[in-house]
Amino acid sequence: HEFVPAPRTHHPGIRQLDPGHLLKFRS
């Protein structure tokens, strides 16, 4: 497709945040 759809990236340890989403992280 000449692009990588969210949430994947070329690297398994890095993600794209999906459009229209909120992500919450607490340690």
PDB file of all heavy atoms in Angstrom:
ATOM      1  N   HIS A   1       0.798  -1.232   0.000  1.00  0.00           N
ATOM      2  CA  HIS A   1       0.000   0.000   0.000  1.00  0.00           C
ATOM      3  C   HIS A   1       0.828   1.279   0.000  1.00  0.00           C
ATOM      4  O   HIS A   1       0.268   2.372  -0.089  1.00  0.00           O
ATOM      5  CB  HIS A   1      -0.918   0.017   1.228  1.00  0.00           C
ATOM      6  CG  HIS A   1      -1.760  -1.215   1.371  1.00  0.00           C
ATOM      7  ND1 HIS A   1      -2.735  -1.567   0.466  1.00  0.00           N
ATOM      8  CD2 HIS A   1      -1.765  -2.193   2.329  1.00  0.00           C
ATOM      9  CE1 HIS A   1      -3.309  -2.698   0.852  1.00  0.00           C
ATOM     10  NE2 HIS A   1      -2.740  -3.106   1.968  1.00  0.00           N
ATOM     11  N   GLU A   2       2.152   1.155   0.160  1.00  0.00           N
ATOM     12  CA  GLU A   2       3.070   2.293   0.251  1.00  0.00           C
ATOM     13  C   GLU A   2       2.857   3.128   1.512  1.00  0.00           C
ATOM     14  O   GLU A   2       3.242   4.288   1.571  1.00  0.00           O
ATOM     15  CB  GLU A   2       2.998   3.170  -1.000  1.00  0.00           C
ATOM     16  CG  GLU A   2       3.423   2.443  -2.267  1.00  0.00           C
ATOM     17  CD  GLU A   2       3.513   3.352  -3.467  1.00  0.00           C
ATOM     18  OE1 GLU A   2       3.109   4.525  -3.362  1.00  0.00           O
ATOM     19  OE2 GLU A   2       3.992   2.891  -4.514  1.00  0.00           O
ATOM     20  N   PHE A   3       2.222   2.560   2.518  1.00  0.00           N
ATOM     21  CA  PHE A   3       2.155   3.154   3.854  1.00  0.00           C
ATOM     22  C   PHE A   3       1.803   2.048   4.832  1.00  0.00           C
ATOM     23  O   PHE A   3       1.364   0.959   4.432  1.00  0.00           O
ATOM     24  CB  PHE A   3       1.140   4.297   3.923  1.00  0.00           C
ATOM     25  CG  PHE A   3      -0.302   3.853   3.988  1.00  0.00           C
ATOM     26  CD1 PHE A   3      -0.994   3.850   5.192  1.00  0.00           C
ATOM     27  CD2 PHE A   3      -0.976   3.435   2.841  1.00  0.00           C
ATOM     28  CE1 PHE A   3      -2.315   3.442   5.261  1.00  0.00           C
ATOM     29  CE2 PHE A   3      -2.302   3.027   2.897  1.00  0.00           C
ATOM     30  CZ  PHE A   3      -2.971   3.031   4.117  1.00  0.00           C
ATOM     31  N   VAL A   4       2.004   2.326   6.120  1.00  0.00           N
ATOM     32  CA  VAL A   4       1.695   1.354   7.170  1.00  0.00           C
ATOM     33  C   VAL A   4       0.505   1.887   7.966  1.00  0.00           C
ATOM     34  O   VAL A   4       0.606   2.925   8.619  1.00  0.00           O
ATOM     35  CB  VAL A   4       2.895   1.126   8.106  1.00  0.00           C
ATOM     36  CG1 VAL A   4       2.538   0.130   9.201  1.00  0.00           C
ATOM     37  CG2 VAL A   4       4.106   0.629   7.311  1.00  0.00           C
ATOM     38  N   PRO A   5      -0.639   1.214   7.935  1.00  0.00           N
ATOM     39  CA  PRO A   5      -1.810   1.693   8.678  1.00  0.00           C
ATOM     40  C   PRO A   5      -1.586   1.614  10.185  1.00  0.00           C
ATOM     41  O   PRO A   5      -0.936   0.694  10.690  1.00  0.00           O
ATOM     42  CB  PRO A   5      -2.931   0.729   8.247  1.00  0.00           C
ATOM     43  CG  PRO A   5      -2.410   0.021   7.041  1.00  0.00           C
ATOM     44  CD  PRO A   5      -0.928  -0.011   7.167  1.00  0.00           C
ATOM     45  N   ALA A   6      -2.146   2.594  10.907  1.00  0.00           N
ATOM     46  CA  ALA A   6      -2.131   2.550  12.372  1.00  0.00           C
ATOM     47  C   ALA A   6      -2.915   1.312  12.825  1.00  0.00           C
ATOM     48  O   ALA A   6      -3.870   0.908  12.169  1.00  0.00           O
ATOM     49  CB  ALA A   6      -2.758   3.821  12.938  1.00  0.00           C
ATOM     50  N   PRO A   7      -2.515   0.681  13.923  1.00  0.00           N
ATOM     51  CA  PRO A   7      -1.517   1.155  14.892  1.00  0.00           C
ATOM     52  C   PRO A   7      -0.103   0.647  14.671  1.00  0.00           C
ATOM     53  O   PRO A   7       0.765   0.931  15.480  1.00  0.00           O
ATOM     54  CB  PRO A   7      -2.069   0.607  16.209  1.00  0.00           C
ATOM     55  CG  PRO A   7      -2.690  -0.709  15.818  1.00  0.00           C
ATOM     56  CD  PRO A   7      -3.281  -0.477  14.454  1.00  0.00           C
ATOM     57  N   ARG A   8       0.168  -0.085  13.596  1.00  0.00           N
ATOM     58  CA  ARG A   8       1.511  -0.621  13.386  1.00  0.00           C
ATOM     59  C   ARG A   8       2.469   0.463  12.903  1.00  0.00           C
ATOM     60  O   ARG A   8       2.056   1.489  12.349  1.00  0.00           O
ATOM     61  CB  ARG A   8       1.482  -1.750  12.354  1.00  0.00           C
ATOM     62  CG  ARG A   8       0.788  -3.012  12.817  1.00  0.00           C
ATOM     63  CD  ARG A   8       0.882  -4.083  11.740  1.00  0.00           C
ATOM     64  NE  ARG A   8       0.167  -5.285  12.120  1.00  0.00           N
ATOM     65  CZ  ARG A   8       0.671  -6.276  12.834  1.00  0.00           C
ATOM     66  NH1 ARG A   8       1.925  -6.205  13.235  1.00  0.00           N
ATOM     67  NH2 ARG A   8      -0.052  -7.337  13.143  1.00  0.00           N
ATOM     68  N   THR A   9       3.768   0.198  13.069  1.00  0.00           N
ATOM     69  CA  THR A   9       4.832   0.921  12.402  1.00  0.00           C
ATOM     70  C   THR A   9       5.819  -0.128  11.879  1.00  0.00           C
ATOM     71  O   THR A   9       5.603  -1.335  12.059  1.00  0.00           O
ATOM     72  CB  THR A   9       5.575   1.880  13.344  1.00  0.00           C
ATOM     73  OG1 THR A   9       6.401   1.135  14.258  1.00  0.00           O
ATOM     74  CG2 THR A   9       4.606   2.748  14.130  1.00  0.00           C
ATOM     75  N   HIS A  10       6.909   0.325  11.296  1.00  0.00           N
ATOM     76  CA  HIS A  10       7.910  -0.616  10.813  1.00  0.00           C
ATOM     77  C   HIS A  10       8.581  -1.391  11.946  1.00  0.00           C
ATOM     78  O   HIS A  10       9.184  -2.434  11.713  1.00  0.00           O
ATOM     79  CB  HIS A  10       8.985   0.124  10.012  1.00  0.00           C
ATOM     80  CG  HIS A  10       8.490   0.657   8.705  1.00  0.00           C
ATOM     81  ND1 HIS A  10       8.015   1.942   8.541  1.00  0.00           N
ATOM     82  CD2 HIS A  10       8.379   0.056   7.486  1.00  0.00           C
ATOM     83  CE1 HIS A  10       7.647   2.109   7.290  1.00  0.00           C
ATOM     84  NE2 HIS A  10       7.847   0.994   6.623  1.00  0.00           N
ATOM     85  N   HIS A  11       8.488  -0.869  13.161  1.00  0.00           N
ATOM     86  CA  HIS A  11       9.172  -1.482  14.303  1.00  0.00           C
ATOM     87  C   HIS A  11       8.143  -2.006  15.308  1.00  0.00           C
ATOM     88  O   HIS A  11       7.232  -1.265  15.700  1.00  0.00           O
ATOM     89  CB  HIS A  11      10.094  -0.475  14.978  1.00  0.00           C
ATOM     90  CG  HIS A  11      11.064   0.174  14.022  1.00  0.00           C
ATOM     91  ND1 HIS A  11      12.053  -0.536  13.380  1.00  0.00           N
ATOM     92  CD2 HIS A  11      11.175   1.454  13.593  1.00  0.00           C
ATOM     93  CE1 HIS A  11      12.743   0.288  12.605  1.00  0.00           C
ATOM     94  NE2 HIS A  11      12.228   1.497  12.708  1.00  0.00           N
ATOM     95  N   PRO A  12       8.255  -3.256  15.749  1.00  0.00           N
ATOM     96  CA  PRO A  12       7.234  -3.832  16.636  1.00  0.00           C
ATOM     97  C   PRO A  12       7.139  -3.148  17.998  1.00  0.00           C
ATOM     98  O   PRO A  12       6.102  -3.234  18.644  1.00  0.00           O
ATOM     99  CB  PRO A  12       7.675  -5.298  16.778  1.00  0.00           C
ATOM    100  CG  PRO A  12       9.100  -5.337  16.382  1.00  0.00           C
ATOM    101  CD  PRO A  12       9.286  -4.251  15.368  1.00  0.00           C
ATOM    102  N   GLY A  13       8.203  -2.452  18.434  1.00  0.00           N
ATOM    103  CA  GLY A  13       8.160  -1.781  19.732  1.00  0.00           C
ATOM    104  C   GLY A  13       7.595  -0.380  19.695  1.00  0.00           C
ATOM    105  O   GLY A  13       7.502   0.282  20.730  1.00  0.00           O
ATOM    106  N   ILE A  14       7.213   0.092  18.500  1.00  0.00           N
ATOM    107  CA  ILE A  14       6.663   1.440  18.343  1.00  0.00           C
ATOM    108  C   ILE A  14       5.304   1.338  17.666  1.00  0.00           C
ATOM    109  O   ILE A  14       5.144   0.614  16.683  1.00  0.00           O
ATOM    110  CB  ILE A  14       7.604   2.332  17.512  1.00  0.00           C
ATOM    111  CG1 ILE A  14       8.992   2.421  18.163  1.00  0.00           C
ATOM    112  CG2 ILE A  14       7.012   3.727  17.341  1.00  0.00           C
ATOM    113  CD1 ILE A  14      10.003   3.206  17.346  1.00  0.00           C
ATOM    114  N   ARG A  15       4.340   2.082  18.177  1.00  0.00           N
ATOM    115  CA  ARG A  15       2.992   2.067  17.633  1.00  0.00           C
ATOM    116  C   ARG A  15       2.587   3.468  17.194  1.00  0.00           C
ATOM    117  O   ARG A  15       3.131   4.469  17.659  1.00  0.00           O
ATOM    118  CB  ARG A  15       1.981   1.573  18.690  1.00  0.00           C
ATOM    119  CG  ARG A  15       2.390   0.318  19.419  1.00  0.00           C
ATOM    120  CD  ARG A  15       2.465  -0.880  18.506  1.00  0.00           C
ATOM    121  NE  ARG A  15       1.159  -1.448  18.209  1.00  0.00           N
ATOM    122  CZ  ARG A  15       0.974  -2.444  17.339  1.00  0.00           C
ATOM    123  NH1 ARG A  15       2.014  -2.939  16.667  1.00  0.00           N
ATOM    124  NH2 ARG A  15      -0.221  -2.926  17.125  1.00  0.00           N
ATOM    125  N   GLN A  16       1.607   3.518  16.293  1.00  0.00           N
ATOM    126  CA  GLN A  16       0.931   4.776  15.970  1.00  0.00           C
ATOM    127  C   GLN A  16      -0.370   4.839  16.766  1.00  0.00           C
ATOM    128  O   GLN A  16      -1.092   3.844  16.833  1.00  0.00           O
ATOM    129  CB  GLN A  16       0.571   4.858  14.494  1.00  0.00           C
ATOM    130  CG  GLN A  16       1.708   4.804  13.513  1.00  0.00           C
ATOM    131  CD  GLN A  16       1.188   4.902  12.091  1.00  0.00           C
ATOM    132  OE1 GLN A  16       0.593   5.919  11.694  1.00  0.00           O
ATOM    133  NE2 GLN A  16       1.394   3.854  11.312  1.00  0.00           N
ATOM    134  N   LEU A  17      -0.674   6.001  17.324  1.00  0.00           N
ATOM    135  CA  LEU A  17      -1.981   6.165  17.948  1.00  0.00           C
ATOM    136  C   LEU A  17      -3.030   6.247  16.844  1.00  0.00           C
ATOM    137  O   LEU A  17      -2.884   7.009  15.883  1.00  0.00           O
ATOM    138  CB  LEU A  17      -2.013   7.432  18.802  1.00  0.00           C
ATOM    139  CG  LEU A  17      -3.290   7.659  19.616  1.00  0.00           C
ATOM    140  CD1 LEU A  17      -3.511   6.531  20.614  1.00  0.00           C
ATOM    141  CD2 LEU A  17      -3.243   9.000  20.341  1.00  0.00           C
ATOM    142  N   ASP A  18      -4.084   5.462  16.979  1.00  0.00           N
ATOM    143  CA  ASP A  18      -5.152   5.476  15.979  1.00  0.00           C
ATOM    144  C   ASP A  18      -5.827   6.841  15.925  1.00  0.00           C
ATOM    145  O   ASP A  18      -5.982   7.516  16.960  1.00  0.00           O
ATOM    146  CB  ASP A  18      -6.209   4.421  16.324  1.00  0.00           C
ATOM    147  CG  ASP A  18      -5.779   3.016  15.937  1.00  0.00           C
ATOM    148  OD1 ASP A  18      -5.569   2.786  14.735  1.00  0.00           O
ATOM    149  OD2 ASP A  18      -5.640   2.167  16.833  1.00  0.00           O
ATOM    150  N   PRO A  19      -6.244   7.287  14.739  1.00  0.00           N
ATOM    151  CA  PRO A  19      -6.995   8.541  14.642  1.00  0.00           C
ATOM    152  C   PRO A  19      -8.229   8.519  15.548  1.00  0.00           C
ATOM    153  O   PRO A  19      -8.896   7.497  15.693  1.00  0.00           O
ATOM    154  CB  PRO A  19      -7.398   8.588  13.162  1.00  0.00           C
ATOM    155  CG  PRO A  19      -6.346   7.794  12.462  1.00  0.00           C
ATOM    156  CD  PRO A  19      -5.993   6.679  13.414  1.00  0.00           C
ATOM    157  N   GLY A  20      -8.510   9.674  16.139  1.00  0.00           N
ATOM    158  CA  GLY A  20      -9.695   9.813  16.978  1.00  0.00           C
ATOM    159  C   GLY A  20      -9.632   9.087  18.297  1.00  0.00           C
ATOM    160  O   GLY A  20     -10.659   8.938  18.974  1.00  0.00           O
ATOM    161  N   HIS A  21      -8.452   8.654  18.724  1.00  0.00           N
ATOM    162  CA  HIS A  21      -8.314   7.899  19.957  1.00  0.00           C
ATOM    163  C   HIS A  21      -7.592   8.699  21.041  1.00  0.00           C
ATOM    164  O   HIS A  21      -6.776   9.578  20.750  1.00  0.00           O
ATOM    165  CB  HIS A  21      -7.554   6.596  19.724  1.00  0.00           C
ATOM    166  CG  HIS A  21      -8.407   5.491  19.193  1.00  0.00           C
ATOM    167  ND1 HIS A  21      -8.988   5.539  17.943  1.00  0.00           N
ATOM    168  CD2 HIS A  21      -8.790   4.306  19.741  1.00  0.00           C
ATOM    169  CE1 HIS A  21      -9.683   4.434  17.747  1.00  0.00           C
ATOM    170  NE2 HIS A  21      -9.574   3.674  18.815  1.00  0.00           N
ATOM    171  N   LEU A  22      -7.906   8.365  22.272  1.00  0.00           N
ATOM    172  CA  LEU A  22      -7.208   8.863  23.444  1.00  0.00           C
ATOM    173  C   LEU A  22      -6.571   7.676  24.153  1.00  0.00           C
ATOM    174  O   LEU A  22      -7.236   6.656  24.373  1.00  0.00           O
ATOM    175  CB  LEU A  22      -8.175   9.586  24.390  1.00  0.00           C
ATOM    176  CG  LEU A  22      -7.588  10.169  25.686  1.00  0.00           C
ATOM    177  CD1 LEU A  22      -8.322  11.449  26.074  1.00  0.00           C
ATOM    178  CD2 LEU A  22      -7.667   9.179  26.851  1.00  0.00           C
ATOM    179  N   LEU A  23      -5.305   7.795  24.474  1.00  0.00           N
ATOM    180  CA  LEU A  23      -4.585   6.751  25.183  1.00  0.00           C
ATOM    181  C   LEU A  23      -4.181   7.275  26.555  1.00  0.00           C
ATOM    182  O   LEU A  23      -3.676   8.391  26.678  1.00  0.00           O
ATOM    183  CB  LEU A  23      -3.352   6.326  24.383  1.00  0.00           C
ATOM    184  CG  LEU A  23      -2.511   5.168  24.946  1.00  0.00           C
ATOM    185  CD1 LEU A  23      -1.916   4.366  23.801  1.00  0.00           C
ATOM    186  CD2 LEU A  23      -1.392   5.681  25.851  1.00  0.00           C
ATOM    187  N   LYS A  24      -4.416   6.462  27.579  1.00  0.00           N
ATOM    188  CA  LYS A  24      -4.065   6.845  28.948  1.00  0.00           C
ATOM    189  C   LYS A  24      -3.091   5.828  29.520  1.00  0.00           C
ATOM    190  O   LYS A  24      -3.309   4.622  29.405  1.00  0.00           O
ATOM    191  CB  LYS A  24      -5.327   6.910  29.823  1.00  0.00           C
ATOM    192  CG  LYS A  24      -5.071   7.411  31.248  1.00  0.00           C
ATOM    193  CD  LYS A  24      -6.389   7.579  32.000  1.00  0.00           C
ATOM    194  CE  LYS A  24      -6.170   8.155  33.401  1.00  0.00           C
ATOM    195  NZ  LYS A  24      -7.460   8.350  34.115  1.00  0.00           N
ATOM    196  N   PHE A  25      -2.027   6.340  30.128  1.00  0.00           N
ATOM    197  CA  PHE A  25      -1.018   5.467  30.718  1.00  0.00           C
ATOM    198  C   PHE A  25      -0.638   5.995  32.094  1.00  0.00           C
ATOM    199  O   PHE A  25      -0.263   7.140  32.263  1.00  0.00           O
ATOM    200  CB  PHE A  25       0.231   5.403  29.842  1.00  0.00           C
ATOM    201  CG  PHE A  25       1.354   4.581  30.432  1.00  0.00           C
ATOM    202  CD1 PHE A  25       1.277   3.201  30.481  1.00  0.00           C
ATOM    203  CD2 PHE A  25       2.483   5.200  30.940  1.00  0.00           C
ATOM    204  CE1 PHE A  25       2.309   2.441  31.024  1.00  0.00           C
ATOM    205  CE2 PHE A  25       3.521   4.453  31.479  1.00  0.00           C
ATOM    206  CZ  PHE A  25       3.440   3.073  31.526  1.00  0.00           C
ATOM    207  N   ARG A  26      -0.760   5.125  33.080  1.00  0.00           N
ATOM    208  CA  ARG A  26      -0.315   5.405  34.443  1.00  0.00           C
ATOM    209  C   ARG A  26       0.708   4.345  34.804  1.00  0.00           C
ATOM    210  O   ARG A  26       0.500   3.163  34.535  1.00  0.00           O
ATOM    211  CB  ARG A  26      -1.493   5.352  35.417  1.00  0.00           C
ATOM    212  CG  ARG A  26      -1.216   5.956  36.784  1.00  0.00           C
ATOM    213  CD  ARG A  26      -2.359   5.661  37.746  1.00  0.00           C
ATOM    214  NE  ARG A  26      -3.662   6.038  37.225  1.00  0.00           N
ATOM    215  CZ  ARG A  26      -4.254   7.207  37.498  1.00  0.00           C
ATOM    216  NH1 ARG A  26      -3.671   8.080  38.274  1.00  0.00           N
ATOM    217  NH2 ARG A  26      -5.448   7.469  36.987  1.00  0.00           N
ATOM    218  N   SER A  27       1.841   4.736  35.356  1.00  0.00           N
ATOM    219  CA  SER A  27       2.919   3.786  35.631  1.00  0.00           C
ATOM    220  C   SER A  27       2.398   2.586  36.410  1.00  0.00           C
ATOM    221  O   SER A  27       1.717   2.732  37.431  1.00  0.00           O
ATOM    222  CB  SER A  27       4.031   4.468  36.433  1.00  0.00           C
ATOM    223  OG  SER A  27       4.635   5.475  35.661  1.00  0.00           O
TER     224      SER A  27
END
